[in-house]
Every structure is written in C-alpha cells, then in structure tokens.
Protein backbone atom coordinates (compact mmCIF):
# COMPACT_ATOMS: atom_id res chain seq x y z
CA MET A 1 -21.50 -3.56 35.82
CA SER A 2 -24.93 -2.34 34.53
CA ASP A 3 -25.89 1.34 34.95
CA LYS A 4 -28.89 0.07 36.96
CA ASN A 5 -26.49 -1.40 39.65
CA GLU A 6 -24.26 1.74 39.70
CA ASP A 7 -27.37 3.84 40.22
CA LYS A 8 -28.32 1.77 43.21
CA TYR A 9 -24.93 2.37 44.81
CA PHE A 10 -25.00 6.01 43.96
CA ALA A 11 -28.57 6.50 45.48
CA TYR A 12 -27.61 4.62 48.83
CA SER A 13 -24.31 6.58 49.11
CA LYS A 14 -26.24 9.78 48.88
CA MET A 15 -28.44 8.58 51.72
CA LEU A 16 -25.66 7.32 53.87
CA LYS A 17 -23.78 10.65 53.34
CA VAL A 18 -26.79 12.55 54.82
CA LEU A 19 -26.59 10.32 57.90
CA CYS A 20 -22.76 11.07 58.36
CA GLU A 21 -23.52 14.23 60.44
CA PRO A 22 -23.92 13.81 64.25
CA LYS A 23 -26.63 16.57 64.61
CA ARG A 24 -28.74 14.72 61.99
CA LEU A 25 -28.27 11.40 63.83
CA GLN A 26 -29.43 13.16 67.08
CA ILE A 27 -32.45 14.58 65.22
CA ILE A 28 -33.26 11.08 63.97
CA ASP A 29 -32.92 9.73 67.56
CA LEU A 30 -35.35 12.36 68.86
CA LEU A 31 -37.87 11.56 66.09
CA SER A 32 -37.66 7.93 66.90
CA CYS A 33 -39.78 8.61 69.98
CA ARG A 34 -42.72 10.70 68.36
CA GLU A 35 -43.57 13.31 65.78
CA LEU A 36 -42.16 16.72 66.92
CA CYS A 37 -42.67 20.22 65.94
CA ALA A 38 -39.53 22.16 64.70
CA CYS A 39 -39.76 24.33 67.75
CA GLU A 40 -39.59 21.32 70.06
CA ILE A 41 -36.59 19.95 68.17
CA LEU A 42 -34.80 23.33 68.56
CA GLU A 43 -35.23 23.01 72.43
CA TYR A 44 -32.75 20.03 72.36
CA PHE A 45 -29.90 21.85 70.53
CA HIS A 46 -27.85 25.04 70.52
CA ILE A 47 -28.52 25.83 66.80
CA SER A 48 -30.31 28.53 64.97
CA GLN A 49 -33.67 27.88 63.21
CA PRO A 50 -32.04 28.22 59.82
CA THR A 51 -29.32 25.61 60.61
CA LEU A 52 -32.19 23.28 61.82
CA SER A 53 -33.98 23.88 58.55
CA SER A 54 -31.06 22.99 56.52
CA HIS A 55 -30.60 19.71 58.41
CA MET A 56 -34.31 19.01 58.08
CA LYS A 57 -34.31 19.69 54.43
CA LYS A 58 -31.38 17.29 53.82
CA LEU A 59 -33.05 14.53 55.88
CA GLU A 60 -36.32 15.08 54.02
CA GLU A 61 -34.59 15.02 50.62
CA ALA A 62 -32.98 11.73 51.48
CA ASP A 63 -36.38 10.40 52.48
CA PHE A 64 -35.75 9.90 56.04
CA ILE A 65 -38.29 12.19 57.48
CA LYS A 66 -41.67 13.56 56.41
CA SER A 67 -43.05 16.98 57.32
CA ARG A 68 -46.59 18.38 57.60
CA ARG A 69 -47.64 21.94 58.29
CA ASP A 70 -50.22 22.86 60.99
CA GLY A 71 -50.80 26.54 60.93
CA LYS A 72 -47.44 28.23 61.54
CA ASN A 73 -45.81 25.00 62.88
CA ILE A 74 -44.08 22.35 60.87
CA TYR A 75 -44.07 18.84 62.35
CA TYR A 76 -41.65 16.14 61.39
CA ARG A 77 -41.75 12.29 61.77
CA LEU A 78 -39.43 9.45 60.76
CA LYS A 79 -40.22 7.39 57.61
CA GLU A 80 -39.29 4.03 59.09
CA ASP A 81 -39.32 2.27 55.81
CA SER A 82 -36.32 4.31 54.58
CA PHE A 83 -34.29 2.89 57.49
CA LYS A 84 -35.39 -0.58 56.75
CA GLU A 85 -34.40 -0.06 53.22
CA ILE A 86 -30.78 1.13 54.19
CA ILE A 87 -30.39 -1.79 56.67
CA ASN A 88 -31.41 -4.30 54.02
CA PHE A 89 -28.94 -2.73 51.40
CA ILE A 90 -26.11 -2.87 53.86
CA ALA A 91 -26.96 -6.52 54.81
CA ASP A 92 -27.15 -7.38 51.08
CA ILE A 93 -23.84 -5.78 50.16
CA SER A 94 -21.95 -7.37 53.15
CA THR A 95 -23.20 -10.83 52.52
CA ASN A 96 -22.23 -13.29 49.78
CA THR A 97 -25.46 -13.65 47.84
CA GLU A 98 -26.33 -14.63 44.28
CA ASP A 99 -26.53 -10.92 43.21
CA CYS A 100 -23.08 -10.08 44.66
CA ILE A 101 -21.05 -7.74 42.42
CA CYS A 102 -18.44 -10.34 42.08
CA LYS A 103 -20.94 -12.67 40.33
CA ILE A 104 -22.38 -10.17 37.92
CA GLU A 105 -21.24 -10.63 34.38
CA ASP A 106 -21.22 -7.75 31.91
C-alpha cells in the first residue's frame, strides 16, 4: 500500500479518536444548534474551564470546530464540512469500490 493511502487512514483515525469521548460528542451536539461562547457551553456541563479548553483545543485541532475571539469571549462553531468528510470516508471504506484496499496493487 502506498504511503499516501496509509497517510489517509492515519489522518482519519486521528480525527475519529477525537470523537471517541462522550463530552466532546455532547459539545458537538450543542454546537449543531448555533455558535456558542465558551461560557455558554460551560453552563451545560459540570466541568472546569481548563477541562473545556482542553476539549475545545482537541476538537479544533481535528478541524471539527472553529473559534473566534470577541473581546474577552471565545465563540465556537462547527465546521460542517469536516463531518461530511468523515461520513464520506466511512462510506467509502465500508463499500466495495474501485479504490478499495483489496484492489490496490503495490
């Protein structure tokens, strides 16, 4: 298998790993409604601000959310294209297609 294909699997596995935490999934669910300030997100959970920051950093590094600063507040919103990309990847690897790993020759 080519390094390019292995890189693709590695990149998606890193993204999926970020999603394997229940609190992050809840945060994504919250952000599916609208952009929210960190302080608004904290109102939904019994976690500290540093814990929230850690979750948000991981979600942002995985390209699932985008942040913007407005004065002292940080606002977060979903990057919907990232979710479409993950959905397409899963659909692709779970379907017998021409670029299926079993059909790739070295």
